[in-house]
Amino acid sequence: KKMAERRKKRERNTNGRLCTGETEGVQKKVESVAYVGTVDKKEEEKENQKILCLQEGLIVIRDFLSPEVQKKLVNVCFSKGDGPGGFYQSDKGFKLNMGIRGRMIDSVDTFPKAVTQICLTAVEEARKHDQSIPEMSPTTLLINYYKAGGTMKWHKDSENPKLIATNMGPPVVSFTIGLSAIFGYKDNYNSETYETVQLNSGDVVLFGGPSRMIVHSVLNVLPHTLPGYLRGVLREGRLNITIRDVEGYIDETQFP
């Protein structure tokens, strides 16, 4: 019984906390994307907009992507994901290539320039609240498409040996579109406890600097949480677009 109690996870309130000095008021939000190499950004007021500082170098920005931008990103990702080298096994119809999820890895250069700009805007906003998050030069996209109930094992994003040696690095920028997910994180594999935060459609989580090498996991993709504005646009699932600053050759075996 005592062992079970020690292993019981510590859950963070998924509303998180406002970053130090953060006030309710004007927040930058990506509103529209013209996929011709430009991003139109508009300042607007939104009550109770929250930026969650989970720990140094780990931030969640709620509702960062507007519904319209989410729809455009879905269309861009599935225009590639439905084809060869996409989310599905080529000889198995609609069977996902990783079992409970479909995975696709590519250079940002193969996507509209607006995708890179969205990423940089997220980093810029996060750095306003946490200077421990470094700047980045986006190079690589890892796109996962999860079914409801999907998970991902505990892992580190350790595709670069330099990151392993220093435990520091430019941020991983990860967008959620579609079904909500429970994101778990902890400092090392041996930790018996971990913390969680729920990521909803339009949210972005960034981890870099001192949190770049956190151990993290997708613990569950929650069914019946697809926003109404995505019905008929996205199949019942979670589209996760993760952008990284990776040096040199993209070694797919180093990506979970």
Protein backbone atom coordinates (compact mmCIF):
# COMPACT_ATOMS: atom_id res chain seq x y z
CA LYS A 1 0.00 0.00 0.00
CA LYS A 2 2.81 2.40 0.88
CA MET A 3 4.52 1.66 -2.41
CA ALA A 4 1.30 2.42 -4.31
CA GLU A 5 0.97 5.71 -2.44
CA ARG A 6 4.55 6.68 -3.33
CA ARG A 7 3.92 5.94 -6.97
CA LYS A 8 0.70 7.86 -7.08
CA LYS A 9 1.20 10.76 -9.43
CA ARG A 10 0.95 14.36 -8.37
CA GLU A 11 -1.44 16.09 -10.74
CA ARG A 12 -1.15 19.79 -11.45
CA ASN A 13 -4.34 21.80 -11.68
CA THR A 14 -4.84 21.94 -15.44
CA ASN A 15 -5.72 25.63 -15.18
CA GLY A 16 -2.10 26.12 -14.10
CA ARG A 17 -1.05 29.51 -12.85
CA LEU A 18 -0.51 32.86 -14.46
CA CYS A 19 3.13 33.67 -15.07
CA THR A 20 4.66 36.15 -12.65
CA GLY A 21 3.61 39.64 -13.62
CA GLU A 22 0.99 38.38 -16.06
CA THR A 23 -2.32 40.21 -16.08
CA GLU A 24 -5.65 39.55 -17.71
CA GLY A 25 -5.82 41.62 -20.84
CA VAL A 26 -4.24 41.88 -24.25
CA GLN A 27 -2.39 38.81 -25.48
CA LYS A 28 -0.90 38.14 -28.88
CA LYS A 29 -2.80 35.47 -30.77
CA VAL A 30 -2.27 34.12 -34.27
CA GLU A 31 -5.52 34.92 -36.04
CA SER A 32 -5.08 34.20 -39.72
CA VAL A 33 -2.56 32.63 -42.03
CA ALA A 34 -2.22 33.31 -45.74
CA TYR A 35 -0.26 30.35 -47.04
CA VAL A 36 1.77 32.42 -49.43
CA GLY A 37 4.68 33.02 -47.08
CA THR A 38 3.18 35.63 -44.75
CA VAL A 39 1.34 35.70 -41.42
CA ASP A 40 -1.20 38.35 -40.48
CA LYS A 41 -1.11 38.93 -36.70
CA LYS A 42 -3.79 40.92 -34.93
CA GLU A 43 -3.88 42.14 -31.34
CA GLU A 44 -7.21 41.57 -29.65
CA GLU A 45 -8.45 41.52 -26.09
CA LYS A 46 -9.50 38.24 -24.61
CA GLU A 47 -10.62 38.00 -21.01
CA ASN A 48 -8.76 35.56 -18.78
CA GLN A 49 -6.18 34.64 -21.39
CA LYS A 50 -3.65 32.53 -19.52
CA ILE A 51 -0.02 31.72 -20.09
CA LEU A 52 0.91 28.83 -17.83
CA CYS A 53 4.46 28.76 -16.42
CA LEU A 54 4.74 25.12 -15.35
CA GLN A 55 8.44 25.33 -14.45
CA GLU A 56 11.48 27.23 -15.67
CA GLY A 57 11.66 26.72 -19.42
CA LEU A 58 8.25 25.02 -19.71
CA ILE A 59 5.25 27.10 -20.79
CA VAL A 60 1.76 26.49 -22.16
CA ILE A 61 0.00 29.23 -24.12
CA ARG A 62 -3.75 28.63 -24.18
CA ASP A 63 -5.76 29.24 -27.37
CA PHE A 64 -2.70 30.40 -29.28
CA LEU A 65 -4.07 29.21 -32.64
CA SER A 66 -7.38 30.64 -33.80
CA PRO A 67 -10.00 28.22 -35.20
CA GLU A 68 -9.32 29.42 -38.74
CA VAL A 69 -5.58 28.80 -38.46
CA GLN A 70 -6.23 25.37 -36.97
CA LYS A 71 -8.36 24.47 -39.99
CA LYS A 72 -5.65 25.61 -42.39
CA LEU A 73 -2.99 23.62 -40.57
CA VAL A 74 -5.19 20.51 -40.65
CA ASN A 75 -5.55 20.84 -44.42
CA VAL A 76 -1.81 21.36 -44.93
CA CYS A 77 -0.81 18.43 -42.71
CA PHE A 78 -3.29 15.97 -44.20
CA SER A 79 -2.47 17.00 -47.75
CA LYS A 80 0.87 15.36 -46.98
CA GLY A 81 -0.20 12.87 -44.33
CA ASP A 82 -2.72 11.14 -46.57
CA GLY A 83 -0.09 10.48 -49.23
CA PRO A 84 3.05 8.31 -49.52
CA GLY A 85 5.31 8.67 -46.49
CA GLY A 86 2.43 10.06 -44.47
CA PHE A 87 0.43 8.83 -41.49
CA TYR A 88 -0.69 5.48 -42.91
CA GLN A 89 0.92 2.19 -43.86
CA SER A 90 1.08 2.19 -47.65
CA ASP A 91 -0.18 -1.36 -47.99
CA LYS A 92 -2.75 -1.35 -45.17
CA GLY A 93 -5.27 1.28 -46.22
CA PHE A 94 -6.05 3.54 -43.27
CA LYS A 95 -3.95 1.65 -40.71
CA LEU A 96 -1.73 4.17 -38.91
CA ASN A 97 1.99 3.60 -39.40
CA MET A 98 2.80 3.62 -35.65
CA GLY A 99 -0.19 1.56 -34.52
CA ILE A 100 -2.16 3.95 -32.31
CA ARG A 101 -0.80 7.01 -34.07
CA GLY A 102 0.43 8.08 -37.45
CA ARG A 103 3.83 9.80 -37.70
CA MET A 104 5.41 11.99 -40.33
CA ILE A 105 8.78 13.79 -40.18
CA ASP A 106 9.90 16.41 -42.66
CA SER A 107 11.82 19.65 -43.09
CA VAL A 108 9.97 22.91 -42.43
CA ASP A 109 11.10 23.94 -45.91
CA THR A 110 8.53 21.56 -47.41
CA PHE A 111 5.70 23.41 -45.66
CA PRO A 112 4.39 26.96 -46.22
CA LYS A 113 6.62 29.64 -44.69
CA ALA A 114 3.70 30.69 -42.50
CA VAL A 115 4.18 27.53 -40.41
CA THR A 116 7.69 28.66 -39.46
CA GLN A 117 6.41 32.13 -38.64
CA ILE A 118 3.70 30.74 -36.36
CA CYS A 119 6.39 28.84 -34.48
CA LEU A 120 8.62 31.92 -34.10
CA THR A 121 5.67 33.99 -32.89
CA ALA A 122 4.98 31.39 -30.18
CA VAL A 123 8.62 31.49 -29.07
CA GLU A 124 8.59 35.29 -29.02
CA GLU A 125 5.49 35.31 -26.84
CA ALA A 126 6.87 32.67 -24.46
CA ARG A 127 10.15 34.55 -24.03
CA LYS A 128 8.25 37.58 -22.79
CA HIS A 129 7.34 35.52 -19.73
CA ASP A 130 10.37 33.26 -19.37
CA GLN A 131 13.77 34.45 -20.59
CA SER A 132 15.28 31.01 -19.90
CA ILE A 133 13.66 29.84 -23.15
CA PRO A 134 16.22 30.49 -25.93
CA GLU A 135 15.50 31.70 -29.43
CA MET A 136 15.40 29.06 -32.16
CA SER A 137 15.74 28.47 -35.89
CA PRO A 138 12.96 26.04 -36.87
CA THR A 139 14.21 23.24 -39.10
CA THR A 140 12.15 20.09 -38.56
CA LEU A 141 8.51 19.11 -38.15
CA LEU A 142 7.35 15.98 -36.38
CA ILE A 143 3.63 15.52 -36.97
CA ASN A 144 1.66 12.90 -35.07
CA TYR A 145 -1.97 12.02 -35.61
CA TYR A 146 -3.47 10.18 -32.61
CA LYS A 147 -6.69 8.25 -32.33
CA ALA A 148 -8.87 8.81 -29.27
CA GLY A 149 -7.28 6.94 -26.36
CA GLY A 150 -3.84 7.18 -27.95
CA THR A 151 -0.69 7.48 -25.87
CA MET A 152 3.05 7.96 -26.23
CA LYS A 153 5.62 6.41 -23.93
CA TRP A 154 7.84 8.42 -21.56
CA HIS A 155 10.77 9.81 -23.53
CA LYS A 156 13.17 12.69 -24.07
CA ASP A 157 13.50 14.58 -27.34
CA SER A 158 17.18 13.71 -27.60
CA GLU A 159 17.89 13.68 -31.32
CA ASN A 160 21.06 15.75 -30.83
CA PRO A 161 23.96 14.42 -28.69
CA LYS A 162 24.82 18.00 -27.67
CA LEU A 163 21.44 18.28 -25.94
CA ILE A 164 22.12 15.14 -23.93
CA ALA A 165 25.52 16.47 -22.84
CA THR A 166 24.33 19.93 -21.77
CA ASN A 167 20.69 19.33 -20.76
CA MET A 168 19.97 22.66 -22.48
CA GLY A 169 18.87 23.75 -25.90
CA PRO A 170 16.44 25.69 -28.10
CA PRO A 171 12.77 24.96 -27.43
CA VAL A 172 10.55 22.23 -28.72
CA VAL A 173 7.33 23.94 -29.88
CA SER A 174 4.30 21.64 -29.91
CA PHE A 175 0.79 22.55 -31.10
CA THR A 176 -2.40 20.61 -30.34
CA ILE A 177 -5.30 20.57 -32.81
CA GLY A 178 -8.40 18.44 -32.33
CA LEU A 179 -8.95 16.17 -29.34
CA SER A 180 -7.51 17.26 -25.98
CA ALA A 181 -4.61 15.34 -24.47
CA ILE A 182 -3.10 14.80 -21.04
CA PHE A 183 0.58 15.76 -21.18
CA GLY A 184 2.78 14.32 -18.44
CA TYR A 185 6.25 15.53 -17.52
CA LYS A 186 8.98 14.85 -14.96
CA ASP A 187 12.68 15.58 -14.50
CA ASN A 188 14.06 12.09 -15.01
CA TYR A 189 13.04 8.53 -15.81
CA ASN A 190 13.52 7.34 -12.23
CA SER A 191 11.05 9.82 -10.74
CA GLU A 192 8.14 7.98 -9.14
CA THR A 193 5.94 11.06 -9.43
CA TYR A 194 5.08 13.26 -12.36
CA GLU A 195 2.87 16.22 -13.16
CA THR A 196 0.24 16.71 -15.82
CA VAL A 197 -1.45 19.43 -17.80
CA GLN A 198 -4.33 19.13 -20.24
CA LEU A 199 -3.64 20.47 -23.72
CA ASN A 200 -6.67 21.57 -25.71
CA SER A 201 -7.17 22.39 -29.36
CA GLY A 202 -5.28 25.59 -30.21
CA ASP A 203 -2.86 25.34 -27.26
CA VAL A 204 0.92 25.34 -27.66
CA VAL A 205 3.45 23.93 -25.20
CA LEU A 206 7.09 25.00 -25.35
CA PHE A 207 10.00 23.46 -23.46
CA GLY A 208 13.55 24.68 -23.83
CA GLY A 209 16.57 25.96 -21.93
CA PRO A 210 16.66 24.18 -18.54
CA SER A 211 13.55 22.15 -19.47
CA ARG A 212 14.69 21.09 -22.94
CA MET A 213 15.49 17.55 -21.82
CA ILE A 214 12.47 16.88 -19.60
CA VAL A 215 11.03 13.39 -19.70
CA HIS A 216 7.50 13.66 -21.07
CA SER A 217 4.60 11.59 -22.32
CA VAL A 218 1.14 11.70 -23.83
CA LEU A 219 -0.85 9.86 -21.17
CA ASN A 220 -4.21 9.93 -22.94
CA VAL A 221 -6.02 11.50 -25.88
CA LEU A 222 -9.47 12.32 -24.59
CA PRO A 223 -12.47 11.19 -26.67
CA HIS A 224 -15.42 13.48 -27.34
CA THR A 225 -13.36 16.68 -26.98
CA LEU A 226 -13.20 17.70 -30.65
CA PRO A 227 -14.26 21.37 -30.98
CA GLY A 228 -17.36 21.96 -33.04
CA TYR A 229 -15.52 24.17 -35.52
CA LEU A 230 -13.32 21.19 -36.52
CA ARG A 231 -16.16 18.77 -37.22
CA GLY A 232 -16.09 17.87 -40.89
CA VAL A 233 -12.53 19.22 -41.10
CA LEU A 234 -10.54 16.84 -38.88
CA ARG A 235 -11.23 13.16 -38.33
CA GLU A 236 -11.89 12.30 -34.68
CA GLY A 237 -8.33 12.49 -33.35
CA ARG A 238 -5.51 14.75 -32.21
CA LEU A 239 -3.13 16.40 -34.64
CA ASN A 240 0.14 17.27 -32.89
CA ILE A 241 2.57 19.50 -34.80
CA THR A 242 5.98 19.65 -33.14
CA ILE A 243 8.70 21.93 -34.47
CA ARG A 244 12.36 21.65 -33.49
CA ASP A 245 15.72 23.24 -34.15
CA VAL A 246 17.76 20.23 -35.33
CA GLU A 247 21.28 20.47 -36.74
CA GLY A 248 22.24 18.58 -39.87
CA TYR A 249 20.72 15.34 -41.12
CA ILE A 250 17.28 14.32 -39.87
CA ASP A 251 17.67 10.85 -38.33
CA GLU A 252 14.11 9.50 -38.03
CA THR A 253 15.23 6.77 -35.64
CA GLN A 254 15.94 9.48 -33.04
CA PHE A 255 12.34 10.72 -33.09
CA PRO A 256 9.65 8.99 -30.97
